């Protein structure tokens, strides 16, 4: 199995620095390196992850907005960097 990885410069952490849900939409502010694509992933159980959207090569900070409507319950988000 092959794996791709992105090497981040030292001192360039990837972090969701704020998140809010308004009117059924989740908005996440993400700080991280410039260059790679940012893919927003969602899960209801922390084991199965599905991509919601990808922002190609954005300049940080990046605002990712999930406009999908989901049934009530817990939702978890994470960010994946793609090259």
PDB file of N, CA and C in Angstrom:
ATOM      1  N   UNK A   1       0.846  -1.174   0.000  1.00  0.00           N
ATOM      2  CA  UNK A   1       0.000   0.000   0.000  1.00  0.00           C
ATOM      3  C   UNK A   1       0.887   1.231   0.000  1.00  0.00           C
ATOM      4  N   UNK A   2       0.600   2.177  -0.888  1.00  0.00           N
ATOM      5  CA  UNK A   2       1.347   3.418  -0.967  1.00  0.00           C
ATOM      6  C   UNK A   2       0.665   4.492  -0.134  1.00  0.00           C
ATOM      7  N   UNK A   3       1.470   5.340   0.460  1.00  0.00           N
ATOM      8  CA  UNK A   3       0.949   6.456   1.239  1.00  0.00           C
ATOM      9  C   UNK A   3       1.581   7.737   0.735  1.00  0.00           C
ATOM     10  N   UNK A   4       0.783   8.768   0.617  1.00  0.00           N
ATOM     11  CA  UNK A   4       1.287  10.095   0.315  1.00  0.00           C
ATOM     12  C   UNK A   4       1.297  10.897   1.598  1.00  0.00           C
ATOM     13  N   UNK A   5       2.214  11.808   1.697  1.00  0.00           N
ATOM     14  CA  UNK A   5       2.242  12.672   2.873  1.00  0.00           C
ATOM     15  C   UNK A   5       2.680  14.060   2.452  1.00  0.00           C
ATOM     16  N   UNK A   6       2.350  14.982   3.295  1.00  0.00           N
ATOM     17  CA  UNK A   6       2.762  16.363   3.073  1.00  0.00           C
ATOM     18  C   UNK A   6       3.673  16.747   4.216  1.00  0.00           C
ATOM     19  N   UNK A   7       4.844  17.225   3.893  1.00  0.00           N
ATOM     20  CA  UNK A   7       5.789  17.660   4.913  1.00  0.00           C
ATOM     21  C   UNK A   7       5.555  19.135   5.180  1.00  0.00           C
ATOM     22  N   UNK A   8       5.183  19.447   6.403  1.00  0.00           N
ATOM     23  CA  UNK A   8       4.914  20.829   6.786  1.00  0.00           C
ATOM     24  C   UNK A   8       6.171  21.463   7.351  1.00  0.00           C
ATOM     25  N   UNK A   9       6.418  22.727   7.004  1.00  0.00           N
ATOM     26  CA  UNK A   9       7.548  23.410   7.617  1.00  0.00           C
ATOM     27  C   UNK A   9       7.368  23.480   9.129  1.00  0.00           C
ATOM     28  N   UNK A  10       8.482  23.449   9.841  1.00  0.00           N
ATOM     29  CA  UNK A  10       8.437  23.556  11.291  1.00  0.00           C
ATOM     30  C   UNK A  10       7.761  24.866  11.659  1.00  0.00           C
ATOM     31  N   UNK A  11       6.864  24.834  12.624  1.00  0.00           N
ATOM     32  CA  UNK A  11       6.188  26.039  13.063  1.00  0.00           C
ATOM     33  C   UNK A  11       4.928  26.358  12.275  1.00  0.00           C
ATOM     34  N   UNK A  12       4.467  25.408  11.437  1.00  0.00           N
ATOM     35  CA  UNK A  12       3.248  25.631  10.662  1.00  0.00           C
ATOM     36  C   UNK A  12       2.198  24.616  11.103  1.00  0.00           C
ATOM     37  N   UNK A  13       1.573  24.818  12.247  1.00  0.00           N
ATOM     38  CA  UNK A  13       0.575  23.867  12.705  1.00  0.00           C
ATOM     39  C   UNK A  13      -0.733  24.008  11.922  1.00  0.00           C
ATOM     40  N   UNK A  14      -1.469  22.926  11.864  1.00  0.00           N
ATOM     41  CA  UNK A  14      -2.801  22.936  11.271  1.00  0.00           C
ATOM     42  C   UNK A  14      -3.789  22.900  12.418  1.00  0.00           C
ATOM     43  N   UNK A  15      -4.708  23.859  12.460  1.00  0.00           N
ATOM     44  CA  UNK A  15      -5.641  23.926  13.576  1.00  0.00           C
ATOM     45  C   UNK A  15      -6.963  24.550  13.150  1.00  0.00           C
ATOM     46  N   UNK A  16      -8.047  24.001  13.679  1.00  0.00           N
ATOM     47  CA  UNK A  16      -9.346  24.650  13.569  1.00  0.00           C
ATOM     48  C   UNK A  16      -9.379  25.658  14.706  1.00  0.00           C
ATOM     49  N   UNK A  17      -9.349  26.940  14.356  1.00  0.00           N
ATOM     50  CA  UNK A  17      -9.220  27.969  15.386  1.00  0.00           C
ATOM     51  C   UNK A  17     -10.557  28.531  15.850  1.00  0.00           C
ATOM     52  N   UNK A  18     -11.607  28.294  15.079  1.00  0.00           N
ATOM     53  CA  UNK A  18     -12.947  28.641  15.552  1.00  0.00           C
ATOM     54  C   UNK A  18     -13.965  27.834  14.754  1.00  0.00           C
ATOM     55  N   UNK A  19     -15.100  27.612  15.381  1.00  0.00           N
ATOM     56  CA  UNK A  19     -16.183  26.872  14.736  1.00  0.00           C
ATOM     57  C   UNK A  19     -17.504  27.401  15.278  1.00  0.00           C
ATOM     58  N   UNK A  20     -18.480  27.486  14.397  1.00  0.00           N
ATOM     59  CA  UNK A  20     -19.807  27.885  14.848  1.00  0.00           C
ATOM     60  C   UNK A  20     -20.840  27.239  13.939  1.00  0.00           C
ATOM     61  N   UNK A  21     -22.017  27.013  14.492  1.00  0.00           N
ATOM     62  CA  UNK A  21     -23.147  26.481  13.738  1.00  0.00           C
ATOM     63  C   UNK A  21     -24.287  27.479  13.831  1.00  0.00           C
ATOM     64  N   UNK A  22     -24.716  27.955  12.670  1.00  0.00           N
ATOM     65  CA  UNK A  22     -25.806  28.921  12.604  1.00  0.00           C
ATOM     66  C   UNK A  22     -26.735  28.502  11.473  1.00  0.00           C
ATOM     67  N   UNK A  23     -28.015  28.382  11.785  1.00  0.00           N
ATOM     68  CA  UNK A  23     -28.991  28.051  10.762  1.00  0.00           C
ATOM     69  C   UNK A  23     -28.727  26.738  10.058  1.00  0.00           C
ATOM     70  N   UNK A  24     -28.165  25.776  10.774  1.00  0.00           N
ATOM     71  CA  UNK A  24     -27.900  24.470  10.185  1.00  0.00           C
ATOM     72  C   UNK A  24     -26.618  24.391   9.375  1.00  0.00           C
ATOM     73  N   UNK A  25     -25.823  25.451   9.366  1.00  0.00           N
ATOM     74  CA  UNK A  25     -24.558  25.448   8.650  1.00  0.00           C
ATOM     75  C   UNK A  25     -23.412  25.545   9.641  1.00  0.00           C
ATOM     76  N   UNK A  26     -22.389  24.748   9.417  1.00  0.00           N
ATOM     77  CA  UNK A  26     -21.194  24.810  10.251  1.00  0.00           C
ATOM     78  C   UNK A  26     -20.119  25.582   9.501  1.00  0.00           C
ATOM     79  N   UNK A  27     -19.509  26.558  10.184  1.00  0.00           N
ATOM     80  CA  UNK A  27     -18.410  27.326   9.615  1.00  0.00           C
ATOM     81  C   UNK A  27     -17.182  27.110  10.484  1.00  0.00           C
ATOM     82  N   UNK A  28     -16.091  26.678   9.851  1.00  0.00           N
ATOM     83  CA  UNK A  28     -14.846  26.431  10.561  1.00  0.00           C
ATOM     84  C   UNK A  28     -13.755  27.326  10.005  1.00  0.00           C
ATOM     85  N   UNK A  29     -13.036  27.978  10.898  1.00  0.00           N
ATOM     86  CA  UNK A  29     -11.874  28.773  10.503  1.00  0.00           C
ATOM     87  C   UNK A  29     -10.648  27.911  10.754  1.00  0.00           C
ATOM     88  N   UNK A  30      -9.834  27.739   9.715  1.00  0.00           N
ATOM     89  CA  UNK A  30      -8.674  26.857   9.796  1.00  0.00           C
ATOM     90  C   UNK A  30      -7.416  27.658   9.504  1.00  0.00           C
ATOM     91  N   UNK A  31      -6.432  27.518  10.369  1.00  0.00           N
ATOM     92  CA  UNK A  31      -5.114  28.109  10.149  1.00  0.00           C
ATOM     93  C   UNK A  31      -4.133  26.984   9.872  1.00  0.00           C
ATOM     94  N   UNK A  32      -3.274  27.198   8.896  1.00  0.00           N
ATOM     95  CA  UNK A  32      -2.284  26.186   8.543  1.00  0.00           C
ATOM     96  C   UNK A  32      -1.421  26.680   7.404  1.00  0.00           C
ATOM     97  N   UNK A  33      -0.715  25.759   6.770  1.00  0.00           N
ATOM     98  CA  UNK A  33       0.206  26.145   5.711  1.00  0.00           C
ATOM     99  C   UNK A  33      -0.525  26.541   4.430  1.00  0.00           C
ATOM    100  N   UNK A  34       0.081  27.420   3.666  1.00  0.00           N
ATOM    101  CA  UNK A  34      -0.436  27.769   2.344  1.00  0.00           C
ATOM    102  C   UNK A  34       0.074  26.728   1.349  1.00  0.00           C
ATOM    103  N   UNK A  35      -0.748  26.424   0.361  1.00  0.00           N
ATOM    104  CA  UNK A  35      -0.287  25.524  -0.699  1.00  0.00           C
ATOM    105  C   UNK A  35      -1.118  24.283  -0.890  1.00  0.00           C
ATOM    106  N   UNK A  36      -1.223  23.404   0.123  1.00  0.00           N
ATOM    107  CA  UNK A  36      -1.991  22.184  -0.112  1.00  0.00           C
ATOM    108  C   UNK A  36      -3.498  22.451  -0.123  1.00  0.00           C
ATOM    109  N   UNK A  37      -4.244  21.534  -0.732  1.00  0.00           N
ATOM    110  CA  UNK A  37      -5.703  21.602  -0.683  1.00  0.00           C
ATOM    111  C   UNK A  37      -6.164  21.227   0.720  1.00  0.00           C
ATOM    112  N   UNK A  38      -7.238  21.854   1.184  1.00  0.00           N
ATOM    113  CA  UNK A  38      -7.834  21.549   2.473  1.00  0.00           C
ATOM    114  C   UNK A  38      -9.144  20.814   2.214  1.00  0.00           C
ATOM    115  N   UNK A  39      -9.265  19.588   2.735  1.00  0.00           N
ATOM    116  CA  UNK A  39     -10.497  18.823   2.587  1.00  0.00           C
ATOM    117  C   UNK A  39     -11.163  18.697   3.944  1.00  0.00           C
ATOM    118  N   UNK A  40     -12.431  19.093   4.007  1.00  0.00           N
ATOM    119  CA  UNK A  40     -13.216  18.990   5.229  1.00  0.00           C
ATOM    120  C   UNK A  40     -13.881  17.626   5.253  1.00  0.00           C
ATOM    121  N   UNK A  41     -13.669  16.875   6.335  1.00  0.00           N
ATOM    122  CA  UNK A  41     -14.250  15.546   6.510  1.00  0.00           C
ATOM    123  C   UNK A  41     -15.245  15.578   7.662  1.00  0.00           C
ATOM    124  N   UNK A  42     -16.260  14.712   7.586  1.00  0.00           N
ATOM    125  CA  UNK A  42     -17.289  14.652   8.627  1.00  0.00           C
ATOM    126  C   UNK A  42     -17.491  13.203   9.060  1.00  0.00           C
ATOM    127  N   UNK A  43     -17.849  13.026  10.331  1.00  0.00           N
ATOM    128  CA  UNK A  43     -18.118  11.698  10.871  1.00  0.00           C
ATOM    129  C   UNK A  43     -19.174  11.793  11.971  1.00  0.00           C
ATOM    130  N   UNK A  44     -19.905  10.725  12.162  1.00  0.00           N
ATOM    131  CA  UNK A  44     -20.836  10.647  13.289  1.00  0.00           C
ATOM    132  C   UNK A  44     -20.309   9.715  14.372  1.00  0.00           C
ATOM    133  N   UNK A  45     -19.227   8.957  14.071  1.00  0.00           N
ATOM    134  CA  UNK A  45     -18.739   7.961  15.029  1.00  0.00           C
ATOM    135  C   UNK A  45     -17.220   7.960  15.227  1.00  0.00           C
ATOM    136  N   UNK A  46     -16.516   8.884  14.583  1.00  0.00           N
ATOM    137  CA  UNK A  46     -15.050   9.019  14.657  1.00  0.00           C
ATOM    138  C   UNK A  46     -14.283   7.860  14.023  1.00  0.00           C
ATOM    139  N   UNK A  47     -14.975   6.945  13.335  1.00  0.00           N
ATOM    140  CA  UNK A  47     -14.282   5.865  12.638  1.00  0.00           C
ATOM    141  C   UNK A  47     -14.493   5.928  11.127  1.00  0.00           C
ATOM    142  N   UNK A  48     -15.683   6.286  10.709  1.00  0.00           N
ATOM    143  CA  UNK A  48     -16.001   6.419   9.290  1.00  0.00           C
ATOM    144  C   UNK A  48     -16.018   7.908   8.935  1.00  0.00           C
ATOM    145  N   UNK A  49     -15.159   8.321   8.006  1.00  0.00           N
ATOM    146  CA  UNK A  49     -15.045   9.727   7.625  1.00  0.00           C
ATOM    147  C   UNK A  49     -15.416   9.901   6.162  1.00  0.00           C
ATOM    148  N   UNK A  50     -16.155  10.963   5.864  1.00  0.00           N
ATOM    149  CA  UNK A  50     -16.581  11.261   4.496  1.00  0.00           C
ATOM    150  C   UNK A  50     -16.197  12.693   4.149  1.00  0.00           C
ATOM    151  N   UNK A  51     -15.668  12.911   2.941  1.00  0.00           N
ATOM    152  CA  UNK A  51     -15.350  14.278   2.531  1.00  0.00           C
ATOM    153  C   UNK A  51     -16.614  15.084   2.279  1.00  0.00           C
ATOM    154  N   UNK A  52     -16.602  16.328   2.718  1.00  0.00           N
ATOM    155  CA  UNK A  52     -17.729  17.235   2.532  1.00  0.00           C
ATOM    156  C   UNK A  52     -17.395  18.242   1.437  1.00  0.00           C
ATOM    157  N   UNK A  53     -16.191  18.816   1.500  1.00  0.00           N
ATOM    158  CA  UNK A  53     -15.778  19.787   0.489  1.00  0.00           C
ATOM    159  C   UNK A  53     -14.266  19.900   0.491  1.00  0.00           C
ATOM    160  N   UNK A  54     -13.747  20.422  -0.614  1.00  0.00           N
ATOM    161  CA  UNK A  54     -12.311  20.665  -0.742  1.00  0.00           C
ATOM    162  C   UNK A  54     -12.102  22.096  -1.212  1.00  0.00           C
ATOM    163  N   UNK A  55     -11.175  22.772  -0.570  1.00  0.00           N
ATOM    164  CA  UNK A  55     -10.798  24.129  -0.957  1.00  0.00           C
ATOM    165  C   UNK A  55      -9.391  24.039  -1.551  1.00  0.00           C
ATOM    166  N   UNK A  56      -9.257  24.215  -2.882  1.00  0.00           N
ATOM    167  CA  UNK A  56      -7.952  24.043  -3.520  1.00  0.00           C
ATOM    168  C   UNK A  56      -6.958  25.158  -3.200  1.00  0.00           C
ATOM    169  N   UNK A  57      -5.827  24.771  -2.669  1.00  0.00           N
ATOM    170  CA  UNK A  57      -4.680  25.651  -2.403  1.00  0.00           C
ATOM    171  C   UNK A  57      -5.039  27.022  -1.856  1.00  0.00           C
ATOM    172  N   UNK A  58      -5.764  27.074  -0.742  1.00  0.00           N
ATOM    173  CA  UNK A  58      -6.165  28.380  -0.204  1.00  0.00           C
ATOM    174  C   UNK A  58      -5.026  29.070   0.542  1.00  0.00           C
ATOM    175  N   UNK A  59      -5.177  30.368   0.716  1.00  0.00           N
ATOM    176  CA  UNK A  59      -4.272  31.132   1.577  1.00  0.00           C
ATOM    177  C   UNK A  59      -4.925  31.211   2.954  1.00  0.00           C
ATOM    178  N   UNK A  60      -4.224  30.807   4.014  1.00  0.00           N
ATOM    179  CA  UNK A  60      -4.799  30.847   5.353  1.00  0.00           C
ATOM    180  C   UNK A  60      -5.023  32.275   5.833  1.00  0.00           C
ATOM    181  N   UNK A  61      -5.951  32.519   6.720  1.00  0.00           N
ATOM    182  CA  UNK A  61      -6.867  31.517   7.254  1.00  0.00           C
ATOM    183  C   UNK A  61      -7.924  31.126   6.221  1.00  0.00           C
ATOM    184  N   UNK A  62      -8.402  29.897   6.354  1.00  0.00           N
ATOM    185  CA  UNK A  62      -9.377  29.332   5.436  1.00  0.00           C
ATOM    186  C   UNK A  62     -10.706  29.206   6.177  1.00  0.00           C
ATOM    187  N   UNK A  63     -11.779  29.632   5.548  1.00  0.00           N
ATOM    188  CA  UNK A  63     -13.113  29.471   6.123  1.00  0.00           C
ATOM    189  C   UNK A  63     -13.838  28.386   5.331  1.00  0.00           C
ATOM    190  N   UNK A  64     -14.125  27.269   5.988  1.00  0.00           N
ATOM    191  CA  UNK A  64     -14.822  26.153   5.352  1.00  0.00           C
ATOM    192  C   UNK A  64     -16.248  26.126   5.880  1.00  0.00           C
ATOM    193  N   UNK A  65     -17.221  26.110   4.968  1.00  0.00           N
ATOM    194  CA  UNK A  65     -18.627  26.151   5.358  1.00  0.00           C
ATOM    195  C   UNK A  65     -19.313  24.891   4.862  1.00  0.00           C
ATOM    196  N   UNK A  66     -19.852  24.121   5.793  1.00  0.00           N
ATOM    197  CA  UNK A  66     -20.625  22.926   5.470  1.00  0.00           C
ATOM    198  C   UNK A  66     -22.091  23.339   5.418  1.00  0.00           C
ATOM    199  N   UNK A  67     -22.653  23.382   4.221  1.00  0.00           N
ATOM    200  CA  UNK A  67     -24.039  23.817   4.045  1.00  0.00           C
ATOM    201  C   UNK A  67     -25.030  22.653   4.014  1.00  0.00           C
ATOM    202  N   UNK A  68     -24.537  21.422   4.191  1.00  0.00           N
ATOM    203  CA  UNK A  68     -25.414  20.255   4.185  1.00  0.00           C
ATOM    204  C   UNK A  68     -26.270  20.221   5.447  1.00  0.00           C
ATOM    205  N   UNK A  69     -27.466  19.711   5.316  1.00  0.00           N
ATOM    206  CA  UNK A  69     -28.360  19.527   6.475  1.00  0.00           C
ATOM    207  C   UNK A  69     -28.266  18.066   6.902  1.00  0.00           C
ATOM    208  N   UNK A  70     -27.982  17.838   8.164  1.00  0.00           N
ATOM    209  CA  UNK A  70     -27.840  16.480   8.694  1.00  0.00           C
ATOM    210  C   UNK A  70     -28.909  16.226   9.743  1.00  0.00           C
ATOM    211  N   UNK A  71     -29.245  14.949   9.955  1.00  0.00           N
ATOM    212  CA  UNK A  71     -30.191  14.642  11.044  1.00  0.00           C
ATOM    213  C   UNK A  71     -29.599  15.073  12.382  1.00  0.00           C
ATOM    214  N   UNK A  72     -30.442  15.345  13.372  1.00  0.00           N
ATOM    215  CA  UNK A  72     -29.925  15.731  14.691  1.00  0.00           C
ATOM    216  C   UNK A  72     -28.972  14.678  15.247  1.00  0.00           C
ATOM    217  N   UNK A  73     -27.980  15.124  15.961  1.00  0.00           N
ATOM    218  CA  UNK A  73     -27.008  14.226  16.580  1.00  0.00           C
ATOM    219  C   UNK A  73     -25.623  14.855  16.546  1.00  0.00           C
ATOM    220  N   UNK A  74     -24.661  14.126  17.070  1.00  0.00           N
ATOM    221  CA  UNK A  74     -23.290  14.624  17.102  1.00  0.00           C
ATOM    222  C   UNK A  74     -22.636  14.502  15.742  1.00  0.00           C
ATOM    223  N   UNK A  75     -21.918  15.525  15.364  1.00  0.00           N
ATOM    224  CA  UNK A  75     -21.114  15.516  14.149  1.00  0.00           C
ATOM    225  C   UNK A  75     -19.694  15.918  14.515  1.00  0.00           C
ATOM    226  N   UNK A  76     -18.746  15.262  13.904  1.00  0.00           N
ATOM    227  CA  UNK A  76     -17.340  15.559  14.142  1.00  0.00           C
ATOM    228  C   UNK A  76     -16.719  15.991  12.823  1.00  0.00           C
ATOM    229  N   UNK A  77     -15.840  16.972  12.882  1.00  0.00           N
ATOM    230  CA  UNK A  77     -15.150  17.461  11.701  1.00  0.00           C
ATOM    231  C   UNK A  77     -13.655  17.300  11.884  1.00  0.00           C
ATOM    232  N   UNK A  78     -12.965  17.098  10.762  1.00  0.00           N
ATOM    233  CA  UNK A  78     -11.517  17.158  10.757  1.00  0.00           C
ATOM    234  C   UNK A  78     -11.079  17.648   9.390  1.00  0.00           C
ATOM    235  N   UNK A  79      -9.847  18.093   9.320  1.00  0.00           N
ATOM    236  CA  UNK A  79      -9.286  18.655   8.092  1.00  0.00           C
ATOM    237  C   UNK A  79      -8.174  17.744   7.603  1.00  0.00           C
ATOM    238  N   UNK A  80      -8.169  17.492   6.300  1.00  0.00           N
ATOM    239  CA  UNK A  80      -7.095  16.715   5.689  1.00  0.00           C
ATOM    240  C   UNK A  80      -6.403  17.611   4.672  1.00  0.00           C
ATOM    241  N   UNK A  81      -5.074  17.588   4.676  1.00  0.00           N
ATOM    242  CA  UNK A  81      -4.297  18.318   3.681  1.00  0.00           C
ATOM    243  C   UNK A  81      -3.983  17.372   2.539  1.00  0.00           C
ATOM    244  N   UNK A  82      -4.261  17.819   1.318  1.00  0.00           N
ATOM    245  CA  UNK A  82      -4.001  17.018   0.128  1.00  0.00           C
ATOM    246  C   UNK A  82      -3.032  17.776  -0.759  1.00  0.00           C
ATOM    247  N   UNK A  83      -2.168  17.023  -1.448  1.00  0.00           N
ATOM    248  CA  UNK A  83      -1.251  17.699  -2.367  1.00  0.00           C
ATOM    249  C   UNK A  83      -1.758  17.677  -3.772  1.00  0.00           C
TER     250      UNK A  83
END
